[in-house]
C-alpha atoms as a PDB file:
ATOM      1  CA  UNK A   1     173.091  51.048-102.405  1.00  0.00           C
ATOM      2  CA  UNK A   2     175.822  53.647-102.580  1.00  0.00           C
ATOM      3  CA  UNK A   3     176.423  55.839 -99.582  1.00  0.00           C
ATOM      4  CA  UNK A   4     176.699  59.575 -99.836  1.00  0.00           C
ATOM      5  CA  UNK A   5     179.962  61.120 -98.745  1.00  0.00           C
ATOM      6  CA  UNK A   6     180.090  64.401 -96.780  1.00  0.00           C
ATOM      7  CA  UNK A   7     181.223  66.272 -99.942  1.00  0.00           C
ATOM      8  CA  UNK A   8     178.225  64.984-101.958  1.00  0.00           C
ATOM      9  CA  UNK A   9     180.003  62.199-103.831  1.00  0.00           C
ATOM     10  CA  UNK A  10     178.948  58.584-103.602  1.00  0.00           C
ATOM     11  CA  UNK A  11     180.900  55.749-102.137  1.00  0.00           C
ATOM     12  CA  UNK A  12     180.419  52.464-103.918  1.00  0.00           C
ATOM     13  CA  UNK A  13     181.242  49.011-102.703  1.00  0.00           C
ATOM     14  CA  UNK A  14     183.355  46.934-105.072  1.00  0.00           C
ATOM     15  CA  UNK A  15     180.298  44.816-105.962  1.00  0.00           C
ATOM     16  CA  UNK A  16     178.240  47.898-106.755  1.00  0.00           C
ATOM     17  CA  UNK A  17     181.080  49.337-108.802  1.00  0.00           C
ATOM     18  CA  UNK A  18     181.375  46.075-110.814  1.00  0.00           C
ATOM     19  CA  UNK A  19     177.605  45.949-111.309  1.00  0.00           C
ATOM     20  CA  UNK A  20     177.493  49.578-112.534  1.00  0.00           C
ATOM     21  CA  UNK A  21     180.381  48.917-114.938  1.00  0.00           C
ATOM     22  CA  UNK A  22     178.655  45.815-116.316  1.00  0.00           C
ATOM     23  CA  UNK A  23     175.382  47.708-116.646  1.00  0.00           C
ATOM     24  CA  UNK A  24     177.160  50.539-118.498  1.00  0.00           C
ATOM     25  CA  UNK A  25     178.847  48.051-120.861  1.00  0.00           C
ATOM     26  CA  UNK A  26     175.543  46.278-121.488  1.00  0.00           C
ATOM     27  CA  UNK A  27     173.809  49.596-122.218  1.00  0.00           C
ATOM     28  CA  UNK A  28     176.521  50.537-124.742  1.00  0.00           C
ATOM     29  CA  UNK A  29     176.170  47.093-126.349  1.00  0.00           C
ATOM     30  CA  UNK A  30     172.366  47.278-126.643  1.00  0.00           C
ATOM     31  CA  UNK A  31     172.464  50.889-127.829  1.00  0.00           C
ATOM     32  CA  UNK A  32     174.819  49.897-130.658  1.00  0.00           C
ATOM     33  CA  UNK A  33     172.426  47.124-131.720  1.00  0.00           C
ATOM     34  CA  UNK A  34     169.197  49.111-131.438  1.00  0.00           C
ATOM     35  CA  UNK A  35     170.624  52.258-133.081  1.00  0.00           C
ATOM     36  CA  UNK A  36     171.880  50.311-136.114  1.00  0.00           C
ATOM     37  CA  UNK A  37     169.021  50.229-138.699  1.00  0.00           C
ATOM     38  CA  UNK A  38     170.125  46.852-140.081  1.00  0.00           C
ATOM     39  CA  UNK A  39     170.262  45.147-136.693  1.00  0.00           C
ATOM     40  CA  UNK A  40     167.346  46.903-134.999  1.00  0.00           C
ATOM     41  CA  UNK A  41     164.600  44.889-136.731  1.00  0.00           C
ATOM     42  CA  UNK A  42     166.421  41.598-136.165  1.00  0.00           C
ATOM     43  CA  UNK A  43     166.940  42.363-132.472  1.00  0.00           C
ATOM     44  CA  UNK A  44     163.305  43.397-132.072  1.00  0.00           C
ATOM     45  CA  UNK A  45     162.146  40.204-133.768  1.00  0.00           C
ATOM     46  CA  UNK A  46     164.277  38.106-131.420  1.00  0.00           C
ATOM     47  CA  UNK A  47     162.849  39.910-128.418  1.00  0.00           C
ATOM     48  CA  UNK A  48     159.350  39.444-129.804  1.00  0.00           C
ATOM     49  CA  UNK A  49     160.017  35.726-130.328  1.00  0.00           C
ATOM     50  CA  UNK A  50     161.204  35.283-126.756  1.00  0.00           C
ATOM     51  CA  UNK A  51     158.572  37.589-125.208  1.00  0.00           C
ATOM     52  CA  UNK A  52     155.595  37.728-127.618  1.00  0.00           C
ATOM     53  CA  UNK A  53     153.385  39.765-125.245  1.00  0.00           C
ATOM     54  CA  UNK A  54     155.980  42.483-124.666  1.00  0.00           C
ATOM     55  CA  UNK A  55     154.989  45.796-126.249  1.00  0.00           C
ATOM     56  CA  UNK A  56     158.005  47.336-127.962  1.00  0.00           C
ATOM     57  CA  UNK A  57     156.399  50.682-128.603  1.00  0.00           C
ATOM     58  CA  UNK A  58     156.355  52.035-132.146  1.00  0.00           C
ATOM     59  CA  UNK A  59     158.150  48.996-133.551  1.00  0.00           C
ATOM     60  CA  UNK A  60     155.266  46.712-132.536  1.00  0.00           C
ATOM     61  CA  UNK A  61     152.765  49.141-134.020  1.00  0.00           C
ATOM     62  CA  UNK A  62     154.760  49.399-137.241  1.00  0.00           C
ATOM     63  CA  UNK A  63     154.907  45.614-137.570  1.00  0.00           C
ATOM     64  CA  UNK A  64     151.149  45.286-137.074  1.00  0.00           C
ATOM     65  CA  UNK A  65     150.568  48.062-139.618  1.00  0.00           C
ATOM     66  CA  UNK A  66     152.942  46.461-142.147  1.00  0.00           C
ATOM     67  CA  UNK A  67     151.167  43.118-141.695  1.00  0.00           C
ATOM     68  CA  UNK A  68     147.759  44.724-142.271  1.00  0.00           C
ATOM     69  CA  UNK A  69     149.007  46.564-145.364  1.00  0.00           C
ATOM     70  CA  UNK A  70     150.490  43.345-146.768  1.00  0.00           C
ATOM     71  CA  UNK A  71     147.201  41.506-146.118  1.00  0.00           C
ATOM     72  CA  UNK A  72     145.211  44.255-147.850  1.00  0.00           C
ATOM     73  CA  UNK A  73     147.566  44.249-150.851  1.00  0.00           C
ATOM     74  CA  UNK A  74     147.316  40.474-151.151  1.00  0.00           C
ATOM     75  CA  UNK A  75     143.520  40.632-150.900  1.00  0.00           C
ATOM     76  CA  UNK A  76     143.387  43.318-153.598  1.00  0.00           C
ATOM     77  CA  UNK A  77     145.705  41.348-155.892  1.00  0.00           C
ATOM     78  CA  UNK A  78     143.629  38.197-155.345  1.00  0.00           C
ATOM     79  CA  UNK A  79     140.435  40.075-156.223  1.00  0.00           C
ATOM     80  CA  UNK A  80     142.074  41.514-159.340  1.00  0.00           C
ATOM     81  CA  UNK A  81     143.303  38.077-160.403  1.00  0.00           C
ATOM     82  CA  UNK A  82     139.879  36.531-159.755  1.00  0.00           C
ATOM     83  CA  UNK A  83     138.227  39.239-161.875  1.00  0.00           C
ATOM     84  CA  UNK A  84     140.693  38.647-164.710  1.00  0.00           C
ATOM     85  CA  UNK A  85     140.141  34.881-164.493  1.00  0.00           C
ATOM     86  CA  UNK A  86     136.360  35.360-164.574  1.00  0.00           C
ATOM     87  CA  UNK A  87     136.666  37.677-167.578  1.00  0.00           C
ATOM     88  CA  UNK A  88     138.888  35.174-169.394  1.00  0.00           C
ATOM     89  CA  UNK A  89     136.495  32.316-168.575  1.00  0.00           C
ATOM     90  CA  UNK A  90     133.514  34.325-169.846  1.00  0.00           C
ATOM     91  CA  UNK A  91     135.347  35.094-173.085  1.00  0.00           C
ATOM     92  CA  UNK A  92     136.118  31.395-173.657  1.00  0.00           C
ATOM     93  CA  UNK A  93     132.508  30.471-172.831  1.00  0.00           C
ATOM     94  CA  UNK A  94     131.227  33.015-175.372  1.00  0.00           C
ATOM     95  CA  UNK A  95     133.531  31.577-178.037  1.00  0.00           C
ATOM     96  CA  UNK A  96     132.399  28.061-177.158  1.00  0.00           C
ATOM     97  CA  UNK A  97     128.708  29.018-177.337  1.00  0.00           C
ATOM     98  CA  UNK A  98     129.212  30.810-180.669  1.00  0.00           C
ATOM     99  CA  UNK A  99     130.950  27.786-182.216  1.00  0.00           C
ATOM    100  CA  UNK A 100     128.312  25.427-180.822  1.00  0.00           C
ATOM    101  CA  UNK A 101     125.513  27.558-182.248  1.00  0.00           C
ATOM    102  CA  UNK A 102     127.210  28.100-185.625  1.00  0.00           C
ATOM    103  CA  UNK A 103     127.886  24.411-186.243  1.00  0.00           C
ATOM    104  CA  UNK A 104     124.781  23.121-184.420  1.00  0.00           C
ATOM    105  CA  UNK A 105     126.757  20.838-182.105  1.00  0.00           C
ATOM    106  CA  UNK A 106     125.444  19.051-179.035  1.00  0.00           C
ATOM    107  CA  UNK A 107     127.116  19.150-175.627  1.00  0.00           C
ATOM    108  CA  UNK A 108     128.566  15.701-176.347  1.00  0.00           C
ATOM    109  CA  UNK A 109     130.012  16.959-179.628  1.00  0.00           C
ATOM    110  CA  UNK A 110     131.488  19.974-177.811  1.00  0.00           C
ATOM    111  CA  UNK A 111     133.289  17.481-175.553  1.00  0.00           C
ATOM    112  CA  UNK A 112     134.836  16.005-178.709  1.00  0.00           C
ATOM    113  CA  UNK A 113     135.733  19.526-179.869  1.00  0.00           C
ATOM    114  CA  UNK A 114     137.536  20.203-176.599  1.00  0.00           C
ATOM    115  CA  UNK A 115     139.363  16.868-176.902  1.00  0.00           C
ATOM    116  CA  UNK A 116     140.501  17.865-180.403  1.00  0.00           C
ATOM    117  CA  UNK A 117     141.676  21.182-178.978  1.00  0.00           C
ATOM    118  CA  UNK A 118     143.797  19.348-176.379  1.00  0.00           C
ATOM    119  CA  UNK A 119     145.143  16.666-178.701  1.00  0.00           C
ATOM    120  CA  UNK A 120     146.036  18.910-181.625  1.00  0.00           C
ATOM    121  CA  UNK A 121     146.841  22.050-179.623  1.00  0.00           C
ATOM    122  CA  UNK A 122     144.183  24.141-181.322  1.00  0.00           C
ATOM    123  CA  UNK A 123     143.332  27.240-179.318  1.00  0.00           C
ATOM    124  CA  UNK A 124     140.103  28.157-181.072  1.00  0.00           C
ATOM    125  CA  UNK A 125     136.676  26.588-180.634  1.00  0.00           C
ATOM    126  CA  UNK A 126     135.812  27.748-184.137  1.00  0.00           C
ATOM    127  CA  UNK A 127     138.694  25.879-185.778  1.00  0.00           C
ATOM    128  CA  UNK A 128     138.277  22.771-183.628  1.00  0.00           C
ATOM    129  CA  UNK A 129     134.521  22.660-184.389  1.00  0.00           C
ATOM    130  CA  UNK A 130     135.291  23.041-188.082  1.00  0.00           C
ATOM    131  CA  UNK A 131     137.787  20.172-187.830  1.00  0.00           C
ATOM    132  CA  UNK A 132     135.228  17.963-186.092  1.00  0.00           C
ATOM    133  CA  UNK A 133     132.491  18.707-188.605  1.00  0.00           C
ATOM    134  CA  UNK A 134     134.845  17.962-191.495  1.00  0.00           C
ATOM    135  CA  UNK A 135     135.815  14.623-189.927  1.00  0.00           C
ATOM    136  CA  UNK A 136     132.321  13.677-188.833  1.00  0.00           C
ATOM    137  CA  UNK A 137     129.822  15.454-191.070  1.00  0.00           C
ATOM    138  CA  UNK A 138     126.164  15.418-190.129  1.00  0.00           C
ATOM    139  CA  UNK A 139     124.201  12.883-192.078  1.00  0.00           C
ATOM    140  CA  UNK A 140     121.756  14.336-194.563  1.00  0.00           C
ATOM    141  CA  UNK A 141     118.311  14.237-193.150  1.00  0.00           C
ATOM    142  CA  UNK A 142     116.077  12.787-195.778  1.00  0.00           C
ATOM    143  CA  UNK A 143     112.439  13.300-195.059  1.00  0.00           C
ATOM    144  CA  UNK A 144     110.935  10.049-196.189  1.00  0.00           C
ATOM    145  CA  UNK A 145     107.228   9.789-196.367  1.00  0.00           C
ATOM    146  CA  UNK A 146     106.080   6.336-197.292  1.00  0.00           C
ATOM    147  CA  UNK A 147     108.462   5.388-200.126  1.00  0.00           C
ATOM    148  CA  UNK A 148     109.367   8.933-201.253  1.00  0.00           C
ATOM    149  CA  UNK A 149     112.578  10.692-200.199  1.00  0.00           C
ATOM    150  CA  UNK A 150     111.201  14.235-200.520  1.00  0.00           C
ATOM    151  CA  UNK A 151     114.384  15.854-201.804  1.00  0.00           C
ATOM    152  CA  UNK A 152     112.409  18.899-202.829  1.00  0.00           C
ATOM    153  CA  UNK A 153     112.117  19.851-199.156  1.00  0.00           C
ATOM    154  CA  UNK A 154     115.892  20.209-198.801  1.00  0.00           C
ATOM    155  CA  UNK A 155     117.489  23.659-198.966  1.00  0.00           C
ATOM    156  CA  UNK A 156     118.571  24.682-202.456  1.00  0.00           C
ATOM    157  CA  UNK A 157     116.904  21.776-204.254  1.00  0.00           C
ATOM    158  CA  UNK A 158     114.417  24.011-206.050  1.00  0.00           C
ATOM    159  CA  UNK A 159     117.249  26.160-207.468  1.00  0.00           C
ATOM    160  CA  UNK A 160     119.106  23.112-208.726  1.00  0.00           C
ATOM    161  CA  UNK A 161     115.981  21.537-210.207  1.00  0.00           C
ATOM    162  CA  UNK A 162     114.882  24.767-211.905  1.00  0.00           C
ATOM    163  CA  UNK A 163     118.157  25.368-213.801  1.00  0.00           C
ATOM    164  CA  UNK A 164     121.056  23.029-212.975  1.00  0.00           C
ATOM    165  CA  UNK A 165     123.509  24.775-215.318  1.00  0.00           C
ATOM    166  CA  UNK A 166     122.794  28.209-213.885  1.00  0.00           C
ATOM    167  CA  UNK A 167     123.111  26.861-210.333  1.00  0.00           C
ATOM    168  CA  UNK A 168     126.436  25.176-211.203  1.00  0.00           C
ATOM    169  CA  UNK A 169     127.774  28.348-212.873  1.00  0.00           C
ATOM    170  CA  UNK A 170     126.757  30.529-209.924  1.00  0.00           C
ATOM    171  CA  UNK A 171     128.297  28.116-207.442  1.00  0.00           C
ATOM    172  CA  UNK A 172     131.580  27.951-209.358  1.00  0.00           C
ATOM    173  CA  UNK A 173     131.590  31.750-209.800  1.00  0.00           C
ATOM    174  CA  UNK A 174     131.122  32.293-206.053  1.00  0.00           C
ATOM    175  CA  UNK A 175     133.919  29.841-205.224  1.00  0.00           C
ATOM    176  CA  UNK A 176     136.343  31.396-207.737  1.00  0.00           C
ATOM    177  CA  UNK A 177     135.512  34.904-206.481  1.00  0.00           C
ATOM    178  CA  UNK A 178     136.092  33.830-202.906  1.00  0.00           C
ATOM    179  CA  UNK A 179     139.468  32.258-203.802  1.00  0.00           C
ATOM    180  CA  UNK A 180     140.545  35.365-205.718  1.00  0.00           C
ATOM    181  CA  UNK A 181     139.570  37.584-202.777  1.00  0.00           C
ATOM    182  CA  UNK A 182     141.514  35.315-200.439  1.00  0.00           C
ATOM    183  CA  UNK A 183     144.598  35.558-202.671  1.00  0.00           C
ATOM    184  CA  UNK A 184     144.282  39.367-202.788  1.00  0.00           C
ATOM    185  CA  UNK A 185     144.055  39.490-199.010  1.00  0.00           C
ATOM    186  CA  UNK A 186     147.142  37.284-198.627  1.00  0.00           C
ATOM    187  CA  UNK A 187     149.190  39.602-200.859  1.00  0.00           C
ATOM    188  CA  UNK A 188     148.904  42.455-198.369  1.00  0.00           C
END
C-alpha cells in the first residue's frame, strides 16, 4: 500500500508501481475491446462461456431478451406454417372427396387414383379419377330376375326404346354442339 508523503503525494514501492502500470495497461486493453461494437459481443460471449453465472448487466438482459424474441418469432412462424399446411391438406381432401363422389369410387379405388397421380405426375384427383375410370370402367349392372335381363330398368333405356332415331340424333347433336363450343373456347 502506498505511503503518503508529507506534501500529500504518494510514495510507491517498485512492485506497487509495476502493478499499477500493468493494471493501467490492462484497463486500456479491456476498454478498447469493450468499447468496440464489433468486439464487445464476442468478448462478452467469451466471458459468459467461461463464467456462465456472471451477470454482465444490460448485455445479459439483452441476450435473454433477444433469445425470447427469437423463440417467439419461431413459434409464430411455425404456427403460421402449420395453419397453411392444414389449409392445403383440407383443400386436397375436398378435391379428393369431390372426385370420389363424382365417379363413385371406393377407398380402394382412390388408392389406385393416388398411385396414378404419383406414376404419371398428375396433380388433380379429377383427372386421375377420370383416367382410372376410362382404364377400368364399371361393369354394367344388369338386374337379372330369373332368366330376364331387365334392360328396361337401366337409365335411358325407355328413351332409346321409344324412338331410337330421335335418341341417336339428339345424342349426336349434343356431342357436336359440345365439340363446337370447345373449339370456340379454345380460339380465345
